[in-house]
Amino acid sequence: MNTTVAPDSSPEQVQLMARLRRMMMIAGVTTSVAIAVLLVAIGYRLFKGEGSAASGPDITAVLPKGARIVATAAAGDRLAVTVDIGGATEIRTFDAKTLKPTGRLRFAVEP
């Protein structure tokens, strides 16, 4: 029976293999740390996020008697509601996160 025996490695080959193992260990640890950081960031956003405005308390905005909402719009962190109050048009703005009023713009017809 003929068996092939690998010749002994030279000192340069042994040194090269040791260096290769060390580089592979560094790459493996770096990849593991990167994956752990990614999972922590995702978990943090899921459990410590601000949440949506819909999950907050219910808020009722009171309009004058006979008023009706004509249009609504959202832009950035503001909500705009166009209201018709007895023939006069008014735009009311609200903060999108807290839904607190931030301004009111009234339009009137010249006499």
PDB file of N, CA and C in Angstrom:
ATOM      1  N   MET A   1       0.822  -1.153   0.000  1.00  0.00           N
ATOM      2  CA  MET A   1       0.000   0.000   0.000  1.00  0.00           C
ATOM      3  C   MET A   1       0.883   1.238   0.000  1.00  0.00           C
ATOM      4  N   ASN A   2       0.591   2.105  -0.923  1.00  0.00           N
ATOM      5  CA  ASN A   2       1.375   3.336  -1.036  1.00  0.00           C
ATOM      6  C   ASN A   2       0.618   4.477  -0.364  1.00  0.00           C
ATOM      7  N   THR A   3       1.258   5.111   0.550  1.00  0.00           N
ATOM      8  CA  THR A   3       0.655   6.271   1.209  1.00  0.00           C
ATOM      9  C   THR A   3       1.537   7.473   0.946  1.00  0.00           C
ATOM     10  N   THR A   4       0.873   8.585   0.729  1.00  0.00           N
ATOM     11  CA  THR A   4       1.617   9.816   0.471  1.00  0.00           C
ATOM     12  C   THR A   4       1.676  10.600   1.774  1.00  0.00           C
ATOM     13  N   VAL A   5       2.829  10.942   2.175  1.00  0.00           N
ATOM     14  CA  VAL A   5       3.024  11.690   3.404  1.00  0.00           C
ATOM     15  C   VAL A   5       3.429  13.096   3.013  1.00  0.00           C
ATOM     16  N   ALA A   6       2.751  14.075   3.617  1.00  0.00           N
ATOM     17  CA  ALA A   6       3.081  15.465   3.315  1.00  0.00           C
ATOM     18  C   ALA A   6       4.429  15.778   3.937  1.00  0.00           C
ATOM     19  N   PRO A   7       5.236  16.448   3.179  1.00  0.00           N
ATOM     20  CA  PRO A   7       6.547  16.800   3.746  1.00  0.00           C
ATOM     21  C   PRO A   7       6.389  17.833   4.849  1.00  0.00           C
ATOM     22  N   ASP A   8       7.348  17.876   5.729  1.00  0.00           N
ATOM     23  CA  ASP A   8       7.315  18.862   6.814  1.00  0.00           C
ATOM     24  C   ASP A   8       7.318  20.263   6.215  1.00  0.00           C
ATOM     25  N   SER A   9       6.577  21.144   6.878  1.00  0.00           N
ATOM     26  CA  SER A   9       6.507  22.525   6.399  1.00  0.00           C
ATOM     27  C   SER A   9       7.769  23.261   6.789  1.00  0.00           C
ATOM     28  N   SER A  10       8.115  24.190   5.928  1.00  0.00           N
ATOM     29  CA  SER A  10       9.294  25.010   6.217  1.00  0.00           C
ATOM     30  C   SER A  10       8.905  26.075   7.253  1.00  0.00           C
ATOM     31  N   PRO A  11       9.877  26.669   7.929  1.00  0.00           N
ATOM     32  CA  PRO A  11       9.567  27.701   8.926  1.00  0.00           C
ATOM     33  C   PRO A  11       8.791  28.888   8.321  1.00  0.00           C
ATOM     34  N   GLU A  12       9.060  29.221   7.062  1.00  0.00           N
ATOM     35  CA  GLU A  12       8.342  30.321   6.408  1.00  0.00           C
ATOM     36  C   GLU A  12       6.864  29.963   6.230  1.00  0.00           C
ATOM     37  N   GLN A  13       6.602  28.688   5.871  1.00  0.00           N
ATOM     38  CA  GLN A  13       5.212  28.251   5.689  1.00  0.00           C
ATOM     39  C   GLN A  13       4.463  28.231   7.020  1.00  0.00           C
ATOM     40  N   VAL A  14       5.131  27.791   8.065  1.00  0.00           N
ATOM     41  CA  VAL A  14       4.525  27.764   9.392  1.00  0.00           C
ATOM     42  C   VAL A  14       4.189  29.190   9.828  1.00  0.00           C
ATOM     43  N   GLN A  15       5.113  30.111   9.597  1.00  0.00           N
ATOM     44  CA  GLN A  15       4.891  31.510   9.960  1.00  0.00           C
ATOM     45  C   GLN A  15       3.738  32.107   9.147  1.00  0.00           C
ATOM     46  N   LEU A  16       3.662  31.772   7.846  1.00  0.00           N
ATOM     47  CA  LEU A  16       2.597  32.260   6.987  1.00  0.00           C
ATOM     48  C   LEU A  16       1.238  31.711   7.436  1.00  0.00           C
ATOM     49  N   MET A  17       1.175  30.450   7.799  1.00  0.00           N
ATOM     50  CA  MET A  17      -0.080  29.854   8.268  1.00  0.00           C
ATOM     51  C   MET A  17      -0.532  30.489   9.594  1.00  0.00           C
ATOM     52  N   ALA A  18       0.404  30.763  10.481  1.00  0.00           N
ATOM     53  CA  ALA A  18       0.072  31.408  11.749  1.00  0.00           C
ATOM     54  C   ALA A  18      -0.481  32.820  11.493  1.00  0.00           C
ATOM     55  N   ARG A  19       0.129  33.538  10.583  1.00  0.00           N
ATOM     56  CA  ARG A  19      -0.340  34.885  10.238  1.00  0.00           C
ATOM     57  C   ARG A  19      -1.739  34.826   9.612  1.00  0.00           C
ATOM     58  N   LEU A  20      -1.972  33.835   8.756  1.00  0.00           N
ATOM     59  CA  LEU A  20      -3.272  33.673   8.116  1.00  0.00           C
ATOM     60  C   LEU A  20      -4.354  33.352   9.149  1.00  0.00           C
ATOM     61  N   ARG A  21      -4.048  32.474  10.096  1.00  0.00           N
ATOM     62  CA  ARG A  21      -5.004  32.155  11.153  1.00  0.00           C
ATOM     63  C   ARG A  21      -5.344  33.397  11.989  1.00  0.00           C
ATOM     64  N   ARG A  22      -4.318  34.179  12.322  1.00  0.00           N
ATOM     65  CA  ARG A  22      -4.516  35.387  13.107  1.00  0.00           C
ATOM     66  C   ARG A  22      -5.400  36.390  12.350  1.00  0.00           C
ATOM     67  N   MET A  23      -5.190  36.573  11.071  1.00  0.00           N
ATOM     68  CA  MET A  23      -5.998  37.491  10.264  1.00  0.00           C
ATOM     69  C   MET A  23      -7.441  36.994  10.155  1.00  0.00           C
ATOM     70  N   MET A  24      -7.637  35.701  10.037  1.00  0.00           N
ATOM     71  CA  MET A  24      -8.990  35.145   9.975  1.00  0.00           C
ATOM     72  C   MET A  24      -9.717  35.323  11.308  1.00  0.00           C
ATOM     73  N   MET A  25      -9.004  35.196  12.412  1.00  0.00           N
ATOM     74  CA  MET A  25      -9.616  35.425  13.722  1.00  0.00           C
ATOM     75  C   MET A  25     -10.045  36.885  13.868  1.00  0.00           C
ATOM     76  N   ILE A  26      -9.209  37.813  13.431  1.00  0.00           N
ATOM     77  CA  ILE A  26      -9.543  39.235  13.498  1.00  0.00           C
ATOM     78  C   ILE A  26     -10.773  39.522  12.634  1.00  0.00           C
ATOM     79  N   ALA A  27     -10.826  38.963  11.441  1.00  0.00           N
ATOM     80  CA  ALA A  27     -11.970  39.172  10.548  1.00  0.00           C
ATOM     81  C   ALA A  27     -13.248  38.594  11.165  1.00  0.00           C
ATOM     82  N   GLY A  28     -13.165  37.436  11.771  1.00  0.00           N
ATOM     83  CA  GLY A  28     -14.326  36.822  12.405  1.00  0.00           C
ATOM     84  C   GLY A  28     -14.836  37.627  13.591  1.00  0.00           C
ATOM     85  N   VAL A  29     -13.933  38.103  14.432  1.00  0.00           N
ATOM     86  CA  VAL A  29     -14.334  38.910  15.589  1.00  0.00           C
ATOM     87  C   VAL A  29     -14.943  40.232  15.121  1.00  0.00           C
ATOM     88  N   THR A  30     -14.338  40.858  14.115  1.00  0.00           N
ATOM     89  CA  THR A  30     -14.863  42.123  13.587  1.00  0.00           C
ATOM     90  C   THR A  30     -16.270  41.929  13.027  1.00  0.00           C
ATOM     91  N   THR A  31     -16.496  40.876  12.288  1.00  0.00           N
ATOM     92  CA  THR A  31     -17.821  40.602  11.734  1.00  0.00           C
ATOM     93  C   THR A  31     -18.829  40.347  12.845  1.00  0.00           C
ATOM     94  N   SER A  32     -18.447  39.597  13.863  1.00  0.00           N
ATOM     95  CA  SER A  32     -19.345  39.315  14.985  1.00  0.00           C
ATOM     96  C   SER A  32     -19.723  40.590  15.727  1.00  0.00           C
ATOM     97  N   VAL A  33     -18.757  41.471  15.948  1.00  0.00           N
ATOM     98  CA  VAL A  33     -19.043  42.736  16.631  1.00  0.00           C
ATOM     99  C   VAL A  33     -19.966  43.600  15.786  1.00  0.00           C
ATOM    100  N   ALA A  34     -19.744  43.638  14.473  1.00  0.00           N
ATOM    101  CA  ALA A  34     -20.597  44.444  13.587  1.00  0.00           C
ATOM    102  C   ALA A  34     -22.038  43.938  13.601  1.00  0.00           C
ATOM    103  N   ILE A  35     -22.231  42.643  13.577  1.00  0.00           N
ATOM    104  CA  ILE A  35     -23.585  42.070  13.615  1.00  0.00           C
ATOM    105  C   ILE A  35     -24.236  42.369  14.964  1.00  0.00           C
ATOM    106  N   ALA A  36     -23.483  42.268  16.052  1.00  0.00           N
ATOM    107  CA  ALA A  36     -24.037  42.563  17.378  1.00  0.00           C
ATOM    108  C   ALA A  36     -24.458  44.029  17.478  1.00  0.00           C
ATOM    109  N   VAL A  37     -23.650  44.945  16.953  1.00  0.00           N
ATOM    110  CA  VAL A  37     -23.991  46.368  16.985  1.00  0.00           C
ATOM    111  C   VAL A  37     -25.256  46.625  16.175  1.00  0.00           C
ATOM    112  N   LEU A  38     -25.378  45.985  15.030  1.00  0.00           N
ATOM    113  CA  LEU A  38     -26.565  46.147  14.189  1.00  0.00           C
ATOM    114  C   LEU A  38     -27.819  45.652  14.915  1.00  0.00           C
ATOM    115  N   LEU A  39     -27.739  44.506  15.556  1.00  0.00           N
ATOM    116  CA  LEU A  39     -28.895  43.977  16.289  1.00  0.00           C
ATOM    117  C   LEU A  39     -29.268  44.865  17.474  1.00  0.00           C
ATOM    118  N   VAL A  40     -28.284  45.417  18.160  1.00  0.00           N
ATOM    119  CA  VAL A  40     -28.563  46.324  19.273  1.00  0.00           C
ATOM    120  C   VAL A  40     -29.238  47.590  18.770  1.00  0.00           C
ATOM    121  N   ALA A  41     -28.775  48.135  17.644  1.00  0.00           N
ATOM    122  CA  ALA A  41     -29.382  49.351  17.086  1.00  0.00           C
ATOM    123  C   ALA A  41     -30.833  49.101  16.673  1.00  0.00           C
ATOM    124  N   ILE A  42     -31.097  47.975  16.058  1.00  0.00           N
ATOM    125  CA  ILE A  42     -32.474  47.645  15.657  1.00  0.00           C
ATOM    126  C   ILE A  42     -33.352  47.457  16.894  1.00  0.00           C
ATOM    127  N   GLY A  43     -32.866  46.747  17.887  1.00  0.00           N
ATOM    128  CA  GLY A  43     -33.625  46.554  19.118  1.00  0.00           C
ATOM    129  C   GLY A  43     -33.894  47.861  19.830  1.00  0.00           C
ATOM    130  N   TYR A  44     -32.919  48.752  19.856  1.00  0.00           N
ATOM    131  CA  TYR A  44     -33.111  50.054  20.498  1.00  0.00           C
ATOM    132  C   TYR A  44     -34.214  50.843  19.805  1.00  0.00           C
ATOM    133  N   ARG A  45     -34.208  50.852  18.493  1.00  0.00           N
ATOM    134  CA  ARG A  45     -35.233  51.594  17.752  1.00  0.00           C
ATOM    135  C   ARG A  45     -36.618  50.985  17.954  1.00  0.00           C
ATOM    136  N   LEU A  46     -36.692  49.677  18.088  1.00  0.00           N
ATOM    137  CA  LEU A  46     -37.989  49.034  18.288  1.00  0.00           C
ATOM    138  C   LEU A  46     -38.571  49.324  19.666  1.00  0.00           C
ATOM    139  N   PHE A  47     -37.735  49.279  20.693  1.00  0.00           N
ATOM    140  CA  PHE A  47     -38.245  49.377  22.047  1.00  0.00           C
ATOM    141  C   PHE A  47     -38.158  50.773  22.658  1.00  0.00           C
ATOM    142  N   LYS A  48     -37.302  51.638  22.158  1.00  0.00           N
ATOM    143  CA  LYS A  48     -37.138  52.971  22.721  1.00  0.00           C
ATOM    144  C   LYS A  48     -37.532  54.069  21.744  1.00  0.00           C
ATOM    145  N   GLY A  49     -38.173  53.711  20.621  1.00  0.00           N
ATOM    146  CA  GLY A  49     -38.560  54.710  19.625  1.00  0.00           C
ATOM    147  C   GLY A  49     -39.633  55.630  20.144  1.00  0.00           C
ATOM    148  N   GLU A  50     -39.818  56.751  19.471  1.00  0.00           N
ATOM    149  CA  GLU A  50     -40.815  57.726  19.878  1.00  0.00           C
ATOM    150  C   GLU A  50     -42.227  57.229  19.654  1.00  0.00           C
ATOM    151  N   GLY A  51     -42.410  56.331  18.730  1.00  0.00           N
ATOM    152  CA  GLY A  51     -43.750  55.860  18.422  1.00  0.00           C
ATOM    153  C   GLY A  51     -44.440  56.808  17.467  1.00  0.00           C
ATOM    154  N   SER A  52     -45.616  56.462  17.052  1.00  0.00           N
ATOM    155  CA  SER A  52     -46.345  57.308  16.121  1.00  0.00           C
ATOM    156  C   SER A  52     -47.308  58.204  16.880  1.00  0.00           C
ATOM    157  N   ALA A  53     -47.733  59.267  16.214  1.00  0.00           N
ATOM    158  CA  ALA A  53     -48.665  60.206  16.842  1.00  0.00           C
ATOM    159  C   ALA A  53     -50.021  59.541  17.072  1.00  0.00           C
ATOM    160  N   ALA A  54     -50.355  58.527  16.271  1.00  0.00           N
ATOM    161  CA  ALA A  54     -51.644  57.854  16.410  1.00  0.00           C
ATOM    162  C   ALA A  54     -51.736  57.071  17.720  1.00  0.00           C
ATOM    163  N   SER A  55     -50.601  56.692  18.287  1.00  0.00           N
ATOM    164  CA  SER A  55     -50.639  55.925  19.525  1.00  0.00           C
ATOM    165  C   SER A  55     -50.784  56.817  20.754  1.00  0.00           C
ATOM    166  N   GLY A  56     -50.799  58.130  20.561  1.00  0.00           N
ATOM    167  CA  GLY A  56     -50.932  59.065  21.673  1.00  0.00           C
ATOM    168  C   GLY A  56     -52.384  59.207  22.091  1.00  0.00           C
ATOM    169  N   PRO A  57     -52.631  60.160  22.971  1.00  0.00           N
ATOM    170  CA  PRO A  57     -53.999  60.357  23.468  1.00  0.00           C
ATOM    171  C   PRO A  57     -54.897  60.946  22.379  1.00  0.00           C
ATOM    172  N   ASP A  58     -56.193  60.721  22.538  1.00  0.00           N
ATOM    173  CA  ASP A  58     -57.162  61.298  21.606  1.00  0.00           C
ATOM    174  C   ASP A  58     -57.315  62.779  21.922  1.00  0.00           C
ATOM    175  N   ILE A  59     -57.311  63.600  20.883  1.00  0.00           N
ATOM    176  CA  ILE A  59     -57.437  65.042  21.049  1.00  0.00           C
ATOM    177  C   ILE A  59     -58.621  65.509  20.223  1.00  0.00           C
ATOM    178  N   THR A  60     -59.437  66.371  20.816  1.00  0.00           N
ATOM    179  CA  THR A  60     -60.588  66.927  20.110  1.00  0.00           C
ATOM    180  C   THR A  60     -60.375  68.420  19.941  1.00  0.00           C
ATOM    181  N   ALA A  61     -60.359  68.869  18.687  1.00  0.00           N
ATOM    182  CA  ALA A  61     -60.261  70.297  18.400  1.00  0.00           C
ATOM    183  C   ALA A  61     -61.678  70.825  18.221  1.00  0.00           C
ATOM    184  N   VAL A  62     -61.986  71.877  18.946  1.00  0.00           N
ATOM    185  CA  VAL A  62     -63.334  72.436  18.900  1.00  0.00           C
ATOM    186  C   VAL A  62     -63.382  73.536  17.837  1.00  0.00           C
ATOM    187  N   LEU A  63     -64.348  73.430  16.935  1.00  0.00           N
ATOM    188  CA  LEU A  63     -64.570  74.438  15.902  1.00  0.00           C
ATOM    189  C   LEU A  63     -65.797  75.264  16.271  1.00  0.00           C
ATOM    190  N   PRO A  64     -65.856  76.515  15.806  1.00  0.00           N
ATOM    191  CA  PRO A  64     -67.047  77.321  16.065  1.00  0.00           C
ATOM    192  C   PRO A  64     -68.282  76.688  15.429  1.00  0.00           C
ATOM    193  N   LYS A  65     -69.427  77.029  15.956  1.00  0.00           N
ATOM    194  CA  LYS A  65     -70.681  76.478  15.452  1.00  0.00           C
ATOM    195  C   LYS A  65     -70.862  76.889  13.988  1.00  0.00           C
ATOM    196  N   GLY A  66     -71.231  75.941  13.143  1.00  0.00           N
ATOM    197  CA  GLY A  66     -71.442  76.192  11.720  1.00  0.00           C
ATOM    198  C   GLY A  66     -70.178  76.116  10.880  1.00  0.00           C
ATOM    199  N   ALA A  67     -69.039  75.868  11.488  1.00  0.00           N
ATOM    200  CA  ALA A  67     -67.778  75.769  10.736  1.00  0.00           C
ATOM    201  C   ALA A  67     -67.651  74.386  10.119  1.00  0.00           C
ATOM    202  N   ARG A  68     -66.932  74.330   9.007  1.00  0.00           N
ATOM    203  CA  ARG A  68     -66.669  73.027   8.383  1.00  0.00           C
ATOM    204  C   ARG A  68     -65.239  73.001   7.863  1.00  0.00           C
ATOM    205  N   ILE A  69     -64.655  71.831   7.902  1.00  0.00           N
ATOM    206  CA  ILE A  69     -63.284  71.652   7.417  1.00  0.00           C
ATOM    207  C   ILE A  69     -63.324  71.511   5.906  1.00  0.00           C
ATOM    208  N   VAL A  70     -62.547  72.358   5.217  1.00  0.00           N
ATOM    209  CA  VAL A  70     -62.511  72.366   3.759  1.00  0.00           C
ATOM    210  C   VAL A  70     -61.372  71.476   3.252  1.00  0.00           C
ATOM    211  N   ALA A  71     -60.203  71.568   3.884  1.00  0.00           N
ATOM    212  CA  ALA A  71     -59.040  70.796   3.418  1.00  0.00           C
ATOM    213  C   ALA A  71     -58.067  70.591   4.574  1.00  0.00           C
ATOM    214  N   THR A  72     -57.234  69.571   4.428  1.00  0.00           N
ATOM    215  CA  THR A  72     -56.146  69.320   5.369  1.00  0.00           C
ATOM    216  C   THR A  72     -54.877  69.058   4.581  1.00  0.00           C
ATOM    217  N   ALA A  73     -53.736  69.351   5.192  1.00  0.00           N
ATOM    218  CA  ALA A  73     -52.446  69.102   4.540  1.00  0.00           C
ATOM    219  C   ALA A  73     -51.389  68.889   5.616  1.00  0.00           C
ATOM    220  N   ALA A  74     -50.371  68.124   5.274  1.00  0.00           N
ATOM    221  CA  ALA A  74     -49.238  67.896   6.172  1.00  0.00           C
ATOM    222  C   ALA A  74     -47.965  68.303   5.446  1.00  0.00           C
ATOM    223  N   ALA A  75     -47.117  69.064   6.145  1.00  0.00           N
ATOM    224  CA  ALA A  75     -45.845  69.495   5.574  1.00  0.00           C
ATOM    225  C   ALA A  75     -44.796  69.485   6.672  1.00  0.00           C
ATOM    226  N   GLY A  76     -43.853  68.572   6.561  1.00  0.00           N
ATOM    227  CA  GLY A  76     -42.799  68.473   7.571  1.00  0.00           C
ATOM    228  C   GLY A  76     -43.374  68.103   8.921  1.00  0.00           C
ATOM    229  N   ASP A  77     -43.172  68.972   9.905  1.00  0.00           N
ATOM    230  CA  ASP A  77     -43.675  68.700  11.247  1.00  0.00           C
ATOM    231  C   ASP A  77     -44.904  69.544  11.576  1.00  0.00           C
ATOM    232  N   ARG A  78     -45.640  69.958  10.553  1.00  0.00           N
ATOM    233  CA  ARG A  78     -46.850  70.768  10.747  1.00  0.00           C
ATOM    234  C   ARG A  78     -48.040  70.161  10.020  1.00  0.00           C
ATOM    235  N   LEU A  79     -49.218  70.349  10.604  1.00  0.00           N
ATOM    236  CA  LEU A  79     -50.477  69.987   9.970  1.00  0.00           C
ATOM    237  C   LEU A  79     -51.241  71.281   9.735  1.00  0.00           C
ATOM    238  N   ALA A  80     -51.838  71.412   8.559  1.00  0.00           N
ATOM    239  CA  ALA A  80     -52.623  72.595   8.247  1.00  0.00           C
ATOM    240  C   ALA A  80     -54.056  72.162   7.971  1.00  0.00           C
ATOM    241  N   VAL A  81     -54.996  72.857   8.592  1.00  0.00           N
ATOM    242  CA  VAL A  81     -56.416  72.564   8.422  1.00  0.00           C
ATOM    243  C   VAL A  81     -57.088  73.841   7.930  1.00  0.00           C
ATOM    244  N   THR A  82     -57.723  73.771   6.775  1.00  0.00           N
ATOM    245  CA  THR A  82     -58.462  74.913   6.232  1.00  0.00           C
ATOM    246  C   THR A  82     -59.911  74.782   6.667  1.00  0.00           C
ATOM    247  N   VAL A  83     -60.413  75.843   7.314  1.00  0.00           N
ATOM    248  CA  VAL A  83     -61.750  75.819   7.898  1.00  0.00           C
ATOM    249  C   VAL A  83     -62.571  76.959   7.290  1.00  0.00           C
ATOM    250  N   ASP A  84     -63.825  76.657   6.955  1.00  0.00           N
ATOM    251  CA  ASP A  84     -64.770  77.678   6.481  1.00  0.00           C
ATOM    252  C   ASP A  84     -65.707  77.990   7.636  1.00  0.00           C
ATOM    253  N   ILE A  85     -65.649  79.253   8.112  1.00  0.00           N
ATOM    254  CA  ILE A  85     -66.466  79.656   9.255  1.00  0.00           C
ATOM    255  C   ILE A  85     -67.424  80.749   8.771  1.00  0.00           C
ATOM    256  N   GLY A  86     -68.636  80.358   8.447  1.00  0.00           N
ATOM    257  CA  GLY A  86     -69.656  81.317   8.028  1.00  0.00           C
ATOM    258  C   GLY A  86     -69.234  82.165   6.845  1.00  0.00           C
ATOM    259  N   GLY A  87     -68.569  81.598   5.864  1.00  0.00           N
ATOM    260  CA  GLY A  87     -68.143  82.328   4.677  1.00  0.00           C
ATOM    261  C   GLY A  87     -66.728  82.877   4.763  1.00  0.00           C
ATOM    262  N   ALA A  88     -66.119  82.913   5.926  1.00  0.00           N
ATOM    263  CA  ALA A  88     -64.737  83.365   6.084  1.00  0.00           C
ATOM    264  C   ALA A  88     -63.827  82.140   6.147  1.00  0.00           C
ATOM    265  N   THR A  89     -62.714  82.221   5.458  1.00  0.00           N
ATOM    266  CA  THR A  89     -61.780  81.097   5.419  1.00  0.00           C
ATOM    267  C   THR A  89     -60.664  81.327   6.434  1.00  0.00           C
ATOM    268  N   GLU A  90     -60.276  80.250   7.110  1.00  0.00           N
ATOM    269  CA  GLU A  90     -59.238  80.314   8.133  1.00  0.00           C
ATOM    270  C   GLU A  90     -58.353  79.084   8.010  1.00  0.00           C
ATOM    271  N   ILE A  91     -57.045  79.271   8.172  1.00  0.00           N
ATOM    272  CA  ILE A  91     -56.105  78.144   8.165  1.00  0.00           C
ATOM    273  C   ILE A  91     -55.523  78.029   9.563  1.00  0.00           C
ATOM    274  N   ARG A  92     -55.687  76.883  10.158  1.00  0.00           N
ATOM    275  CA  ARG A  92     -55.131  76.611  11.483  1.00  0.00           C
ATOM    276  C   ARG A  92     -54.004  75.598  11.330  1.00  0.00           C
ATOM    277  N   THR A  93     -52.870  75.853  11.989  1.00  0.00           N
ATOM    278  CA  THR A  93     -51.732  74.936  11.916  1.00  0.00           C
ATOM    279  C   THR A  93     -51.497  74.305  13.286  1.00  0.00           C
ATOM    280  N   PHE A  94     -51.037  73.057  13.241  1.00  0.00           N
ATOM    281  CA  PHE A  94     -50.792  72.270  14.448  1.00  0.00           C
ATOM    282  C   PHE A  94     -49.440  71.588  14.332  1.00  0.00           C
ATOM    283  N   ASP A  95     -48.788  71.363  15.474  1.00  0.00           N
ATOM    284  CA  ASP A  95     -47.560  70.579  15.511  1.00  0.00           C
ATOM    285  C   ASP A  95     -47.934  69.119  15.277  1.00  0.00           C
ATOM    286  N   ALA A  96     -47.244  68.448  14.361  1.00  0.00           N
ATOM    287  CA  ALA A  96     -47.619  67.085  13.975  1.00  0.00           C
ATOM    288  C   ALA A  96     -47.396  66.070  15.101  1.00  0.00           C
ATOM    289  N   LYS A  97     -46.419  66.283  15.962  1.00  0.00           N
ATOM    290  CA  LYS A  97     -46.134  65.310  17.019  1.00  0.00           C
ATOM    291  C   LYS A  97     -47.026  65.496  18.240  1.00  0.00           C
ATOM    292  N   THR A  98     -47.212  66.737  18.654  1.00  0.00           N
ATOM    293  CA  THR A  98     -47.986  66.979  19.873  1.00  0.00           C
ATOM    294  C   THR A  98     -49.429  67.362  19.588  1.00  0.00           C
ATOM    295  N   LEU A  99     -49.734  67.747  18.359  1.00  0.00           N
ATOM    296  CA  LEU A  99     -51.050  68.199  17.917  1.00  0.00           C
ATOM    297  C   LEU A  99     -51.505  69.462  18.652  1.00  0.00           C
ATOM    298  N   LYS A 100     -50.563  70.252  19.152  1.00  0.00           N
ATOM    299  CA  LYS A 100     -50.884  71.528  19.778  1.00  0.00           C
ATOM    300  C   LYS A 100     -50.982  72.598  18.693  1.00  0.00           C
ATOM    301  N   PRO A 101     -51.908  73.545  18.829  1.00  0.00           N
ATOM    302  CA  PRO A 101     -52.034  74.619  17.833  1.00  0.00           C
ATOM    303  C   PRO A 101     -50.774  75.479  17.794  1.00  0.00           C
ATOM    304  N   THR A 102     -50.317  75.805  16.577  1.00  0.00           N
ATOM    305  CA  THR A 102     -49.133  76.646  16.431  1.00  0.00           C
ATOM    306  C   THR A 102     -49.438  77.966  15.747  1.00  0.00           C
ATOM    307  N   GLY A 103     -50.565  78.076  15.096  1.00  0.00           N
ATOM    308  CA  GLY A 103     -50.878  79.341  14.451  1.00  0.00           C
ATOM    309  C   GLY A 103     -52.254  79.334  13.815  1.00  0.00           C
ATOM    310  N   ARG A 104     -52.693  80.555  13.462  1.00  0.00           N
ATOM    311  CA  ARG A 104     -54.007  80.712  12.850  1.00  0.00           C
ATOM    312  C   ARG A 104     -53.890  81.861  11.849  1.00  0.00           C
ATOM    313  N   LEU A 105     -54.373  81.637  10.641  1.00  0.00           N
ATOM    314  CA  LEU A 105     -54.359  82.658   9.591  1.00  0.00           C
ATOM    315  C   LEU A 105     -55.792  82.831   9.114  1.00  0.00           C
ATOM    316  N   ARG A 106     -56.317  84.069   9.263  1.00  0.00           N
ATOM    317  CA  ARG A 106     -57.701  84.349   8.884  1.00  0.00           C
ATOM    318  C   ARG A 106     -57.729  85.136   7.582  1.00  0.00           C
ATOM    319  N   PHE A 107     -58.683  84.817   6.739  1.00  0.00           N
ATOM    320  CA  PHE A 107     -58.902  85.548   5.500  1.00  0.00           C
ATOM    321  C   PHE A 107     -60.280  86.192   5.585  1.00  0.00           C
ATOM    322  N   ALA A 108     -60.348  87.457   5.192  1.00  0.00           N
ATOM    323  CA  ALA A 108     -61.621  88.165   5.215  1.00  0.00           C
ATOM    324  C   ALA A 108     -61.810  88.884   3.861  1.00  0.00           C
ATOM    325  N   VAL A 109     -63.054  89.068   3.485  1.00  0.00           N
ATOM    326  CA  VAL A 109     -63.386  89.773   2.250  1.00  0.00           C
ATOM    327  C   VAL A 109     -63.510  91.259   2.563  1.00  0.00           C
ATOM    328  N   GLU A 110     -62.936  92.080   1.701  1.00  0.00           N
ATOM    329  CA  GLU A 110     -63.038  93.524   1.900  1.00  0.00           C
ATOM    330  C   GLU A 110     -64.483  93.967   1.770  1.00  0.00           C
ATOM    331  N   PRO A 111     -64.892  94.944   2.587  1.00  0.00           N
ATOM    332  CA  PRO A 111     -66.278  95.416   2.514  1.00  0.00           C
ATOM    333  C   PRO A 111     -66.539  96.270   1.272  1.00  0.00           C
TER     334      PRO A 111
END
